[in-house]
PDB file of N, CA and C in Angstrom:
ATOM      1  N   UNK A   1     147.178 110.104 100.503  1.00  0.00           N
ATOM      2  CA  UNK A   1     145.813 110.655 100.793  1.00  0.00           C
ATOM      3  C   UNK A   1     145.421 110.344 101.379  1.00  0.00           C
ATOM      4  N   UNK A   2     144.628 111.247 102.702  1.00  0.00           N
ATOM      5  CA  UNK A   2     144.070 110.349 103.813  1.00  0.00           C
ATOM      6  C   UNK A   2     142.614 110.209 103.878  1.00  0.00           C
ATOM      7  N   UNK A   3     142.024 109.491 104.843  1.00  0.00           N
ATOM      8  CA  UNK A   3     140.373 108.919 104.729  1.00  0.00           C
ATOM      9  C   UNK A   3     139.625 110.195 104.597  1.00  0.00           C
ATOM     10  N   UNK A   4     140.001 111.217 105.433  1.00  0.00           N
ATOM     11  CA  UNK A   4     138.893 112.364 105.117  1.00  0.00           C
ATOM     12  C   UNK A   4     139.043 113.279 103.676  1.00  0.00           C
ATOM     13  N   UNK A   5     140.138 113.177 102.930  1.00  0.00           N
ATOM     14  CA  UNK A   5     140.157 113.205 101.679  1.00  0.00           C
ATOM     15  C   UNK A   5     139.608 112.493 100.532  1.00  0.00           C
ATOM     16  N   UNK A   6     139.422 111.386 100.993  1.00  0.00           N
ATOM     17  CA  UNK A   6     138.780 110.401 100.210  1.00  0.00           C
ATOM     18  C   UNK A   6     137.272 110.392 100.275  1.00  0.00           C
ATOM     19  N   UNK A   7     137.018 110.472 101.586  1.00  0.00           N
ATOM     20  CA  UNK A   7     135.226 110.651 101.731  1.00  0.00           C
ATOM     21  C   UNK A   7     134.917 111.948 100.981  1.00  0.00           C
ATOM     22  N   UNK A   8     135.649 112.771 101.176  1.00  0.00           N
ATOM     23  CA  UNK A   8     135.160 114.268 100.635  1.00  0.00           C
ATOM     24  C   UNK A   8     135.202 114.207  99.087  1.00  0.00           C
ATOM     25  N   UNK A   9     135.889 113.500  98.243  1.00  0.00           N
ATOM     26  CA  UNK A   9     135.890 113.125  97.112  1.00  0.00           C
ATOM     27  C   UNK A   9     134.936 112.438  96.616  1.00  0.00           C
ATOM     28  N   UNK A  10     134.626 110.951  97.223  1.00  0.00           N
ATOM     29  CA  UNK A  10     133.715 110.414  97.030  1.00  0.00           C
ATOM     30  C   UNK A  10     132.135 111.213  97.175  1.00  0.00           C
ATOM     31  N   UNK A  11     131.953 111.774  98.311  1.00  0.00           N
ATOM     32  CA  UNK A  11     130.599 112.945  98.374  1.00  0.00           C
ATOM     33  C   UNK A  11     130.486 113.976  97.237  1.00  0.00           C
ATOM     34  N   UNK A  12     131.646 114.617  96.930  1.00  0.00           N
ATOM     35  CA  UNK A  12     131.797 115.261  95.805  1.00  0.00           C
ATOM     36  C   UNK A  12     131.600 114.900  94.195  1.00  0.00           C
ATOM     37  N   UNK A  13     131.783 113.818  94.164  1.00  0.00           N
ATOM     38  CA  UNK A  13     131.112 112.885  92.945  1.00  0.00           C
ATOM     39  C   UNK A  13     130.081 112.285  93.202  1.00  0.00           C
ATOM     40  N   UNK A  14     129.264 112.854  94.131  1.00  0.00           N
ATOM     41  CA  UNK A  14     128.186 112.282  94.475  1.00  0.00           C
ATOM     42  C   UNK A  14     128.203 110.528  94.536  1.00  0.00           C
ATOM     43  N   UNK A  15     128.785 110.171  94.954  1.00  0.00           N
ATOM     44  CA  UNK A  15     129.038 108.683  95.165  1.00  0.00           C
ATOM     45  C   UNK A  15     128.826 108.111  96.726  1.00  0.00           C
ATOM     46  N   UNK A  16     127.535 108.569  97.059  1.00  0.00           N
ATOM     47  CA  UNK A  16     127.038 108.189  98.380  1.00  0.00           C
ATOM     48  C   UNK A  16     127.095 107.057  99.156  1.00  0.00           C
ATOM     49  N   UNK A  17     126.495 106.072  98.364  1.00  0.00           N
ATOM     50  CA  UNK A  17     126.563 104.590  98.583  1.00  0.00           C
ATOM     51  C   UNK A  17     127.903 104.189  99.000  1.00  0.00           C
ATOM     52  N   UNK A  18     129.075 104.682  98.311  1.00  0.00           N
ATOM     53  CA  UNK A  18     130.235 104.352  98.659  1.00  0.00           C
ATOM     54  C   UNK A  18     131.230 104.873  99.399  1.00  0.00           C
ATOM     55  N   UNK A  19     130.843 106.242 100.087  1.00  0.00           N
ATOM     56  CA  UNK A  19     131.317 106.751 101.012  1.00  0.00           C
ATOM     57  C   UNK A  19     131.050 106.358 102.219  1.00  0.00           C
ATOM     58  N   UNK A  20     129.548 105.938 101.938  1.00  0.00           N
ATOM     59  CA  UNK A  20     128.942 105.197 103.441  1.00  0.00           C
ATOM     60  C   UNK A  20     129.539 103.875 104.020  1.00  0.00           C
ATOM     61  N   UNK A  21     129.631 103.118 102.820  1.00  0.00           N
ATOM     62  CA  UNK A  21     130.498 102.004 102.833  1.00  0.00           C
ATOM     63  C   UNK A  21     131.896 102.232 103.443  1.00  0.00           C
ATOM     64  N   UNK A  22     132.634 103.198 102.972  1.00  0.00           N
ATOM     65  CA  UNK A  22     133.886 103.529 102.890  1.00  0.00           C
ATOM     66  C   UNK A  22     134.154 103.983 104.652  1.00  0.00           C
ATOM     67  N   UNK A  23     132.993 104.466 104.979  1.00  0.00           N
ATOM     68  CA  UNK A  23     132.916 105.084 106.363  1.00  0.00           C
ATOM     69  C   UNK A  23     133.119 103.733 107.439  1.00  0.00           C
ATOM     70  N   UNK A  24     131.954 102.678 106.935  1.00  0.00           N
ATOM     71  CA  UNK A  24     131.977 101.639 107.743  1.00  0.00           C
ATOM     72  C   UNK A  24     133.100 100.487 107.625  1.00  0.00           C
ATOM     73  N   UNK A  25     133.635 100.422 106.433  1.00  0.00           N
ATOM     74  CA  UNK A  25     134.713  99.843 106.166  1.00  0.00           C
ATOM     75  C   UNK A  25     135.727 100.113 107.309  1.00  0.00           C
ATOM     76  N   UNK A  26     136.112 101.671 107.301  1.00  0.00           N
ATOM     77  CA  UNK A  26     136.866 102.082 108.044  1.00  0.00           C
ATOM     78  C   UNK A  26     136.940 102.017 109.657  1.00  0.00           C
ATOM     79  N   UNK A  27     135.650 101.725 110.086  1.00  0.00           N
ATOM     80  CA  UNK A  27     135.680 101.720 111.295  1.00  0.00           C
ATOM     81  C   UNK A  27     135.591 100.443 112.067  1.00  0.00           C
ATOM     82  N   UNK A  28     135.972  99.224 110.870  1.00  0.00           N
ATOM     83  CA  UNK A  28     136.683  97.885 111.274  1.00  0.00           C
ATOM     84  C   UNK A  28     137.974  98.211 112.096  1.00  0.00           C
ATOM     85  N   UNK A  29     138.177  96.997 112.775  1.00  0.00           N
ATOM     86  CA  UNK A  29     139.715  96.886 113.350  1.00  0.00           C
ATOM     87  C   UNK A  29     140.466  96.274 112.152  1.00  0.00           C
ATOM     88  N   UNK A  30     141.829  96.768 111.664  1.00  0.00           N
ATOM     89  CA  UNK A  30     142.613  96.049 110.879  1.00  0.00           C
ATOM     90  C   UNK A  30     142.547  94.932 110.837  1.00  0.00           C
ATOM     91  N   UNK A  31     142.963  93.963 111.375  1.00  0.00           N
ATOM     92  CA  UNK A  31     142.723  92.892 111.455  1.00  0.00           C
ATOM     93  C   UNK A  31     141.672  91.978 110.675  1.00  0.00           C
ATOM     94  N   UNK A  32     140.377  92.929 110.544  1.00  0.00           N
ATOM     95  CA  UNK A  32     139.383  92.207 110.141  1.00  0.00           C
ATOM     96  C   UNK A  32     138.942  93.111 108.681  1.00  0.00           C
ATOM     97  N   UNK A  33     140.178  94.138 108.282  1.00  0.00           N
ATOM     98  CA  UNK A  33     139.554  94.683 107.075  1.00  0.00           C
ATOM     99  C   UNK A  33     140.110  93.962 105.582  1.00  0.00           C
ATOM    100  N   UNK A  34     139.329  93.959 104.890  1.00  0.00           N
ATOM    101  CA  UNK A  34     139.600  93.035 103.563  1.00  0.00           C
ATOM    102  C   UNK A  34     140.644  93.852 102.678  1.00  0.00           C
ATOM    103  N   UNK A  35     140.871  92.974 101.760  1.00  0.00           N
ATOM    104  CA  UNK A  35     142.199  93.340 100.898  1.00  0.00           C
ATOM    105  C   UNK A  35     141.251  94.268  99.784  1.00  0.00           C
ATOM    106  N   UNK A  36     142.328  94.901  98.922  1.00  0.00           N
ATOM    107  CA  UNK A  36     141.593  96.272  98.335  1.00  0.00           C
ATOM    108  C   UNK A  36     140.592  95.959  97.186  1.00  0.00           C
ATOM    109  N   UNK A  37     140.918  94.702  96.766  1.00  0.00           N
ATOM    110  CA  UNK A  37     139.769  94.268  95.307  1.00  0.00           C
ATOM    111  C   UNK A  37     138.517  94.155  96.299  1.00  0.00           C
ATOM    112  N   UNK A  38     138.333  93.842  97.392  1.00  0.00           N
ATOM    113  CA  UNK A  38     137.417  93.310  98.116  1.00  0.00           C
ATOM    114  C   UNK A  38     136.537  94.491  98.496  1.00  0.00           C
ATOM    115  N   UNK A  39     137.522  95.428  98.955  1.00  0.00           N
ATOM    116  CA  UNK A  39     137.017  96.292  99.610  1.00  0.00           C
ATOM    117  C   UNK A  39     136.376  97.459  98.370  1.00  0.00           C
ATOM    118  N   UNK A  40     137.011  97.289  97.200  1.00  0.00           N
ATOM    119  CA  UNK A  40     136.293  97.811  95.986  1.00  0.00           C
ATOM    120  C   UNK A  40     134.863  97.478  95.362  1.00  0.00           C
ATOM    121  N   UNK A  41     134.950  96.014  95.419  1.00  0.00           N
ATOM    122  CA  UNK A  41     134.123  95.646  95.203  1.00  0.00           C
ATOM    123  C   UNK A  41     132.544  95.757  96.161  1.00  0.00           C
ATOM    124  N   UNK A  42     132.870  95.822  97.194  1.00  0.00           N
ATOM    125  CA  UNK A  42     131.767  95.902  98.411  1.00  0.00           C
ATOM    126  C   UNK A  42     131.494  97.482  98.378  1.00  0.00           C
ATOM    127  N   UNK A  43     132.411  98.451  98.170  1.00  0.00           N
ATOM    128  CA  UNK A  43     131.727  99.856  97.534  1.00  0.00           C
ATOM    129  C   UNK A  43     131.030  99.907  96.505  1.00  0.00           C
ATOM    130  N   UNK A  44     131.476  99.348  95.293  1.00  0.00           N
ATOM    131  CA  UNK A  44     130.535  99.333  93.775  1.00  0.00           C
ATOM    132  C   UNK A  44     129.230  98.697  94.398  1.00  0.00           C
ATOM    133  N   UNK A  45     129.122  97.956  95.165  1.00  0.00           N
ATOM    134  CA  UNK A  45     128.168  97.016  95.621  1.00  0.00           C
ATOM    135  C   UNK A  45     126.911  97.954  96.118  1.00  0.00           C
ATOM    136  N   UNK A  46     127.573  98.702  97.170  1.00  0.00           N
ATOM    137  CA  UNK A  46     127.232  99.661  98.109  1.00  0.00           C
ATOM    138  C   UNK A  46     126.389 100.913  97.176  1.00  0.00           C
ATOM    139  N   UNK A  47     127.317 101.322  96.132  1.00  0.00           N
ATOM    140  CA  UNK A  47     126.907 102.503  95.240  1.00  0.00           C
ATOM    141  C   UNK A  47     125.655 101.630  94.822  1.00  0.00           C
ATOM    142  N   UNK A  48     125.503 100.742  93.838  1.00  0.00           N
ATOM    143  CA  UNK A  48     124.555 100.022  93.214  1.00  0.00           C
ATOM    144  C   UNK A  48     123.196 100.102  94.170  1.00  0.00           C
ATOM    145  N   UNK A  49     123.412  99.293  95.116  1.00  0.00           N
ATOM    146  CA  UNK A  49     122.365  99.204  95.807  1.00  0.00           C
ATOM    147  C   UNK A  49     121.547 100.632  96.562  1.00  0.00           C
ATOM    148  N   UNK A  50     122.721 101.889  96.891  1.00  0.00           N
ATOM    149  CA  UNK A  50     122.069 102.826  97.148  1.00  0.00           C
ATOM    150  C   UNK A  50     121.412 103.984  96.128  1.00  0.00           C
ATOM    151  N   UNK A  51     121.786 103.502  94.913  1.00  0.00           N
ATOM    152  CA  UNK A  51     121.096 104.369  93.789  1.00  0.00           C
ATOM    153  C   UNK A  51     119.521 103.415  93.299  1.00  0.00           C
ATOM    154  N   UNK A  52     119.779 102.465  93.492  1.00  0.00           N
ATOM    155  CA  UNK A  52     118.509 101.228  93.384  1.00  0.00           C
ATOM    156  C   UNK A  52     117.547 101.886  94.455  1.00  0.00           C
ATOM    157  N   UNK A  53     117.897 101.891  95.631  1.00  0.00           N
ATOM    158  CA  UNK A  53     116.836 102.677  96.790  1.00  0.00           C
ATOM    159  C   UNK A  53     116.364 103.761  96.540  1.00  0.00           C
ATOM    160  N   UNK A  54     117.545 104.529  96.054  1.00  0.00           N
ATOM    161  CA  UNK A  54     116.715 106.122  95.712  1.00  0.00           C
ATOM    162  C   UNK A  54     115.723 105.940  94.718  1.00  0.00           C
ATOM    163  N   UNK A  55     116.366 105.194  93.777  1.00  0.00           N
ATOM    164  CA  UNK A  55     115.480 105.460  92.544  1.00  0.00           C
ATOM    165  C   UNK A  55     113.991 104.703  92.880  1.00  0.00           C
ATOM    166  N   UNK A  56     113.662 103.376  93.638  1.00  0.00           N
ATOM    167  CA  UNK A  56     112.721 103.045  94.316  1.00  0.00           C
ATOM    168  C   UNK A  56     111.805 104.005  95.012  1.00  0.00           C
ATOM    169  N   UNK A  57     112.464 104.602  95.946  1.00  0.00           N
ATOM    170  CA  UNK A  57     112.026 105.823  97.111  1.00  0.00           C
ATOM    171  C   UNK A  57     111.786 107.152  96.134  1.00  0.00           C
ATOM    172  N   UNK A  58     112.312 107.405  94.967  1.00  0.00           N
ATOM    173  CA  UNK A  58     111.666 108.640  93.854  1.00  0.00           C
ATOM    174  C   UNK A  58     110.740 107.883  92.950  1.00  0.00           C
ATOM    175  N   UNK A  59     110.411 106.795  92.689  1.00  0.00           N
ATOM    176  CA  UNK A  59     109.113 106.332  92.032  1.00  0.00           C
ATOM    177  C   UNK A  59     107.778 106.439  92.807  1.00  0.00           C
ATOM    178  N   UNK A  60     108.195 105.719  93.970  1.00  0.00           N
ATOM    179  CA  UNK A  60     107.311 105.518  95.226  1.00  0.00           C
ATOM    180  C   UNK A  60     106.424 106.993  95.374  1.00  0.00           C
ATOM    181  N   UNK A  61     107.395 108.150  95.586  1.00  0.00           N
ATOM    182  CA  UNK A  61     106.893 109.177  95.685  1.00  0.00           C
ATOM    183  C   UNK A  61     106.114 109.610  94.696  1.00  0.00           C
ATOM    184  N   UNK A  62     106.682 109.604  93.470  1.00  0.00           N
ATOM    185  CA  UNK A  62     106.057 110.280  91.991  1.00  0.00           C
ATOM    186  C   UNK A  62     104.909 109.477  91.823  1.00  0.00           C
ATOM    187  N   UNK A  63     104.438 107.984  92.200  1.00  0.00           N
ATOM    188  CA  UNK A  63     103.141 107.337  91.897  1.00  0.00           C
ATOM    189  C   UNK A  63     102.148 107.912  92.799  1.00  0.00           C
ATOM    190  N   UNK A  64     102.177 108.585  93.702  1.00  0.00           N
ATOM    191  CA  UNK A  64     101.487 109.193  94.354  1.00  0.00           C
ATOM    192  C   UNK A  64     100.331 108.170  94.959  1.00  0.00           C
ATOM    193  N   UNK A  65     100.796 106.679  95.479  1.00  0.00           N
ATOM    194  CA  UNK A  65     100.256 105.384  96.179  1.00  0.00           C
ATOM    195  C   UNK A  65      99.041 106.163  97.147  1.00  0.00           C
ATOM    196  N   UNK A  66      97.683 105.504  96.723  1.00  0.00           N
ATOM    197  CA  UNK A  66      96.815 105.948  98.138  1.00  0.00           C
ATOM    198  C   UNK A  66      97.607 105.317  99.764  1.00  0.00           C
ATOM    199  N   UNK A  67      97.625 104.071  99.247  1.00  0.00           N
ATOM    200  CA  UNK A  67      98.066 103.191 100.528  1.00  0.00           C
ATOM    201  C   UNK A  67      99.539 102.841 100.446  1.00  0.00           C
ATOM    202  N   UNK A  68     100.124 102.836 101.813  1.00  0.00           N
ATOM    203  CA  UNK A  68     101.405 102.333 101.854  1.00  0.00           C
ATOM    204  C   UNK A  68     101.309 100.945 102.784  1.00  0.00           C
ATOM    205  N   UNK A  69     101.617 100.066 101.643  1.00  0.00           N
ATOM    206  CA  UNK A  69     101.413  98.581 102.296  1.00  0.00           C
ATOM    207  C   UNK A  69     102.766  98.304 102.410  1.00  0.00           C
ATOM    208  N   UNK A  70     102.516  97.196 103.433  1.00  0.00           N
ATOM    209  CA  UNK A  70     104.063  95.855 103.262  1.00  0.00           C
ATOM    210  C   UNK A  70     103.084  94.633 103.115  1.00  0.00           C
ATOM    211  N   UNK A  71     104.431  93.804 102.257  1.00  0.00           N
ATOM    212  CA  UNK A  71     103.743  92.338 102.408  1.00  0.00           C
ATOM    213  C   UNK A  71     103.461  91.616 103.765  1.00  0.00           C
ATOM    214  N   UNK A  72     103.890  92.009 104.367  1.00  0.00           N
ATOM    215  CA  UNK A  72     103.586  91.516 105.975  1.00  0.00           C
ATOM    216  C   UNK A  72     102.424  91.724 106.277  1.00  0.00           C
ATOM    217  N   UNK A  73     101.794  92.746 105.953  1.00  0.00           N
ATOM    218  CA  UNK A  73     100.337  93.104 106.390  1.00  0.00           C
ATOM    219  C   UNK A  73      99.128  92.962 105.505  1.00  0.00           C
ATOM    220  N   UNK A  74      99.691  91.550 104.195  1.00  0.00           N
ATOM    221  CA  UNK A  74      98.424  91.280 103.266  1.00  0.00           C
ATOM    222  C   UNK A  74      98.024  90.001 104.048  1.00  0.00           C
ATOM    223  N   UNK A  75      96.759  89.853 104.090  1.00  0.00           N
ATOM    224  CA  UNK A  75      96.102  88.351 104.693  1.00  0.00           C
ATOM    225  C   UNK A  75      95.806  87.644 103.540  1.00  0.00           C
ATOM    226  N   UNK A  76      96.703  86.671 103.729  1.00  0.00           N
ATOM    227  CA  UNK A  76      96.144  85.349 102.755  1.00  0.00           C
ATOM    228  C   UNK A  76      95.583  84.084 103.240  1.00  0.00           C
ATOM    229  N   UNK A  77      94.532  84.107 102.704  1.00  0.00           N
ATOM    230  CA  UNK A  77      93.268  83.436 103.272  1.00  0.00           C
ATOM    231  C   UNK A  77      92.610  82.419 102.043  1.00  0.00           C
ATOM    232  N   UNK A  78      91.788  81.437 102.086  1.00  0.00           N
ATOM    233  CA  UNK A  78      90.956  81.046 100.847  1.00  0.00           C
ATOM    234  C   UNK A  78      89.629  81.548 100.383  1.00  0.00           C
ATOM    235  N   UNK A  79      89.480  82.593 101.162  1.00  0.00           N
ATOM    236  CA  UNK A  79      88.453  83.304 101.033  1.00  0.00           C
ATOM    237  C   UNK A  79      88.498  84.556 100.001  1.00  0.00           C
ATOM    238  N   UNK A  80      90.148  85.248 100.118  1.00  0.00           N
ATOM    239  CA  UNK A  80      90.453  86.227  99.085  1.00  0.00           C
ATOM    240  C   UNK A  80      91.206  85.399  98.032  1.00  0.00           C
ATOM    241  N   UNK A  81      91.281  84.037  97.974  1.00  0.00           N
ATOM    242  CA  UNK A  81      91.767  83.614  96.971  1.00  0.00           C
ATOM    243  C   UNK A  81      93.229  83.564  96.786  1.00  0.00           C
ATOM    244  N   UNK A  82      93.939  84.038  97.623  1.00  0.00           N
ATOM    245  CA  UNK A  82      95.534  83.925  97.783  1.00  0.00           C
ATOM    246  C   UNK A  82      96.324  83.648  98.751  1.00  0.00           C
ATOM    247  N   UNK A  83      97.286  82.516  98.182  1.00  0.00           N
ATOM    248  CA  UNK A  83      98.245  81.658  98.925  1.00  0.00           C
ATOM    249  C   UNK A  83      99.487  82.663  99.223  1.00  0.00           C
ATOM    250  N   UNK A  84      99.854  82.495 100.277  1.00  0.00           N
ATOM    251  CA  UNK A  84     101.486  82.985 100.760  1.00  0.00           C
ATOM    252  C   UNK A  84     102.380  82.657  99.605  1.00  0.00           C
ATOM    253  N   UNK A  85     102.298  81.219  98.885  1.00  0.00           N
ATOM    254  CA  UNK A  85     102.965  80.785  98.236  1.00  0.00           C
ATOM    255  C   UNK A  85     102.900  81.779  96.851  1.00  0.00           C
ATOM    256  N   UNK A  86     102.000  82.005  96.389  1.00  0.00           N
ATOM    257  CA  UNK A  86     101.213  83.126  95.300  1.00  0.00           C
ATOM    258  C   UNK A  86     101.488  84.662  95.456  1.00  0.00           C
ATOM    259  N   UNK A  87     101.858  84.891  96.738  1.00  0.00           N
ATOM    260  CA  UNK A  87     102.358  86.049  97.381  1.00  0.00           C
ATOM    261  C   UNK A  87     103.722  86.157  97.166  1.00  0.00           C
ATOM    262  N   UNK A  88     104.552  85.374  97.727  1.00  0.00           N
ATOM    263  CA  UNK A  88     105.913  85.447  97.330  1.00  0.00           C
ATOM    264  C   UNK A  88     106.262  85.426  96.223  1.00  0.00           C
ATOM    265  N   UNK A  89     106.050  84.743  95.414  1.00  0.00           N
ATOM    266  CA  UNK A  89     106.264  84.639  93.873  1.00  0.00           C
ATOM    267  C   UNK A  89     106.224  85.895  93.176  1.00  0.00           C
ATOM    268  N   UNK A  90     105.118  86.478  93.690  1.00  0.00           N
ATOM    269  CA  UNK A  90     104.841  87.893  92.932  1.00  0.00           C
ATOM    270  C   UNK A  90     105.615  89.041  93.322  1.00  0.00           C
ATOM    271  N   UNK A  91     106.122  88.778  94.907  1.00  0.00           N
ATOM    272  CA  UNK A  91     107.067  89.673  95.183  1.00  0.00           C
ATOM    273  C   UNK A  91     108.336  89.646  94.927  1.00  0.00           C
ATOM    274  N   UNK A  92     108.656  88.445  94.478  1.00  0.00           N
ATOM    275  CA  UNK A  92     109.907  88.171  93.655  1.00  0.00           C
ATOM    276  C   UNK A  92     109.974  89.494  92.381  1.00  0.00           C
ATOM    277  N   UNK A  93     109.226  89.280  91.593  1.00  0.00           N
ATOM    278  CA  UNK A  93     109.082  90.306  90.449  1.00  0.00           C
ATOM    279  C   UNK A  93     109.743  90.016  89.023  1.00  0.00           C
ATOM    280  N   UNK A  94     109.496  88.527  89.152  1.00  0.00           N
ATOM    281  CA  UNK A  94     110.236  87.704  88.059  1.00  0.00           C
ATOM    282  C   UNK A  94     109.219  88.144  86.788  1.00  0.00           C
ATOM    283  N   UNK A  95     107.699  88.614  86.941  1.00  0.00           N
ATOM    284  CA  UNK A  95     106.742  88.948  85.531  1.00  0.00           C
ATOM    285  C   UNK A  95     107.212  90.304  85.046  1.00  0.00           C
ATOM    286  N   UNK A  96     107.831  91.157  85.966  1.00  0.00           N
ATOM    287  CA  UNK A  96     108.394  92.370  85.534  1.00  0.00           C
ATOM    288  C   UNK A  96     109.743  92.216  84.466  1.00  0.00           C
ATOM    289  N   UNK A  97     110.766  91.280  85.072  1.00  0.00           N
ATOM    290  CA  UNK A  97     111.791  91.043  84.024  1.00  0.00           C
ATOM    291  C   UNK A  97     111.451  90.434  83.032  1.00  0.00           C
ATOM    292  N   UNK A  98     110.231  89.854  82.881  1.00  0.00           N
ATOM    293  CA  UNK A  98     109.861  89.064  81.751  1.00  0.00           C
ATOM    294  C   UNK A  98     108.925  89.855  80.705  1.00  0.00           C
ATOM    295  N   UNK A  99     108.691  91.312  81.363  1.00  0.00           N
ATOM    296  CA  UNK A  99     107.561  91.823  80.611  1.00  0.00           C
ATOM    297  C   UNK A  99     106.308  91.606  80.170  1.00  0.00           C
ATOM    298  N   UNK A 100     105.930  90.686  81.205  1.00  0.00           N
ATOM    299  CA  UNK A 100     104.742  90.457  81.789  1.00  0.00           C
ATOM    300  C   UNK A 100     103.593  91.386  82.359  1.00  0.00           C
ATOM    301  N   UNK A 101     102.162  91.381  82.155  1.00  0.00           N
ATOM    302  CA  UNK A 101     101.346  92.180  83.047  1.00  0.00           C
ATOM    303  C   UNK A 101     101.138  91.547  84.353  1.00  0.00           C
ATOM    304  N   UNK A 102     100.058  92.084  84.862  1.00  0.00           N
ATOM    305  CA  UNK A 102      99.584  91.152  86.184  1.00  0.00           C
ATOM    306  C   UNK A 102      98.079  91.908  86.608  1.00  0.00           C
ATOM    307  N   UNK A 103      97.220  91.095  86.287  1.00  0.00           N
ATOM    308  CA  UNK A 103      96.058  91.527  86.445  1.00  0.00           C
ATOM    309  C   UNK A 103      95.496  91.514  87.788  1.00  0.00           C
ATOM    310  N   UNK A 104      94.805  92.331  88.677  1.00  0.00           N
ATOM    311  CA  UNK A 104      94.388  92.031  90.219  1.00  0.00           C
ATOM    312  C   UNK A 104      92.642  92.365  89.766  1.00  0.00           C
ATOM    313  N   UNK A 105      91.904  91.177  90.211  1.00  0.00           N
ATOM    314  CA  UNK A 105      90.374  91.636  90.144  1.00  0.00           C
ATOM    315  C   UNK A 105      89.786  90.696  91.257  1.00  0.00           C
ATOM    316  N   UNK A 106      88.393  91.293  91.501  1.00  0.00           N
ATOM    317  CA  UNK A 106      87.904  91.130  92.904  1.00  0.00           C
ATOM    318  C   UNK A 106      86.778  91.791  93.036  1.00  0.00           C
ATOM    319  N   UNK A 107      85.938  91.600  93.766  1.00  0.00           N
ATOM    320  CA  UNK A 107      84.878  92.240  94.232  1.00  0.00           C
ATOM    321  C   UNK A 107      85.242  93.235  95.171  1.00  0.00           C
ATOM    322  N   UNK A 108      84.231  94.635  95.050  1.00  0.00           N
ATOM    323  CA  UNK A 108      84.594  95.756  95.775  1.00  0.00           C
ATOM    324  C   UNK A 108      84.932  95.152  97.557  1.00  0.00           C
ATOM    325  N   UNK A 109      86.071  96.056  97.846  1.00  0.00           N
ATOM    326  CA  UNK A 109      86.455  96.246  98.988  1.00  0.00           C
ATOM    327  C   UNK A 109      87.437  94.857  99.586  1.00  0.00           C
ATOM    328  N   UNK A 110      87.726  94.090  98.536  1.00  0.00           N
ATOM    329  CA  UNK A 110      88.303  93.036  98.918  1.00  0.00           C
ATOM    330  C   UNK A 110      90.055  93.438  99.042  1.00  0.00           C
ATOM    331  N   UNK A 111      90.039  94.432  98.781  1.00  0.00           N
ATOM    332  CA  UNK A 111      91.790  94.895  98.930  1.00  0.00           C
ATOM    333  C   UNK A 111      92.575  94.966  97.405  1.00  0.00           C
ATOM    334  N   UNK A 112      91.995  95.058  96.462  1.00  0.00           N
ATOM    335  CA  UNK A 112      92.601  95.203  95.133  1.00  0.00           C
ATOM    336  C   UNK A 112      93.887  96.154  95.339  1.00  0.00           C
ATOM    337  N   UNK A 113      93.534  97.550  95.721  1.00  0.00           N
ATOM    338  CA  UNK A 113      94.180  98.690  95.656  1.00  0.00           C
ATOM    339  C   UNK A 113      95.047  98.799  96.670  1.00  0.00           C
ATOM    340  N   UNK A 114      95.064  97.816  97.819  1.00  0.00           N
ATOM    341  CA  UNK A 114      95.963  97.947  98.898  1.00  0.00           C
ATOM    342  C   UNK A 114      96.893  96.736  98.248  1.00  0.00           C
ATOM    343  N   UNK A 115      96.588  95.525  97.490  1.00  0.00           N
ATOM    344  CA  UNK A 115      97.493  95.025  96.820  1.00  0.00           C
ATOM    345  C   UNK A 115      98.430  95.225  95.669  1.00  0.00           C
ATOM    346  N   UNK A 116      97.737  95.588  95.257  1.00  0.00           N
ATOM    347  CA  UNK A 116      98.374  96.625  93.953  1.00  0.00           C
ATOM    348  C   UNK A 116      99.583  97.841  94.474  1.00  0.00           C
TER     349      UNK A 116
END
């Protein structure tokens, strides 16, 4: 079986993440290519990441959020009552894994919607 057939099969099975990683691995010089077990593990990891990214993208689109905010854009200072450390802890998302809620409160115009 040649590589083109394998790529077609991966795409036919809708394993887009695996197909992309397979193409990347094939482009490496022969002496830098991994063994079969490692290649399979890398391809499975790539597929998981691809599906997680697609799900996140789909959920964000369905959420119809008013703002497109990045963590780097959030201003952390004492007046706003948020520190960089607290923001980094929230970004990890451990409260989601534990099933905990998050309450954001503050005065009008302080950036609650942007933060959310």
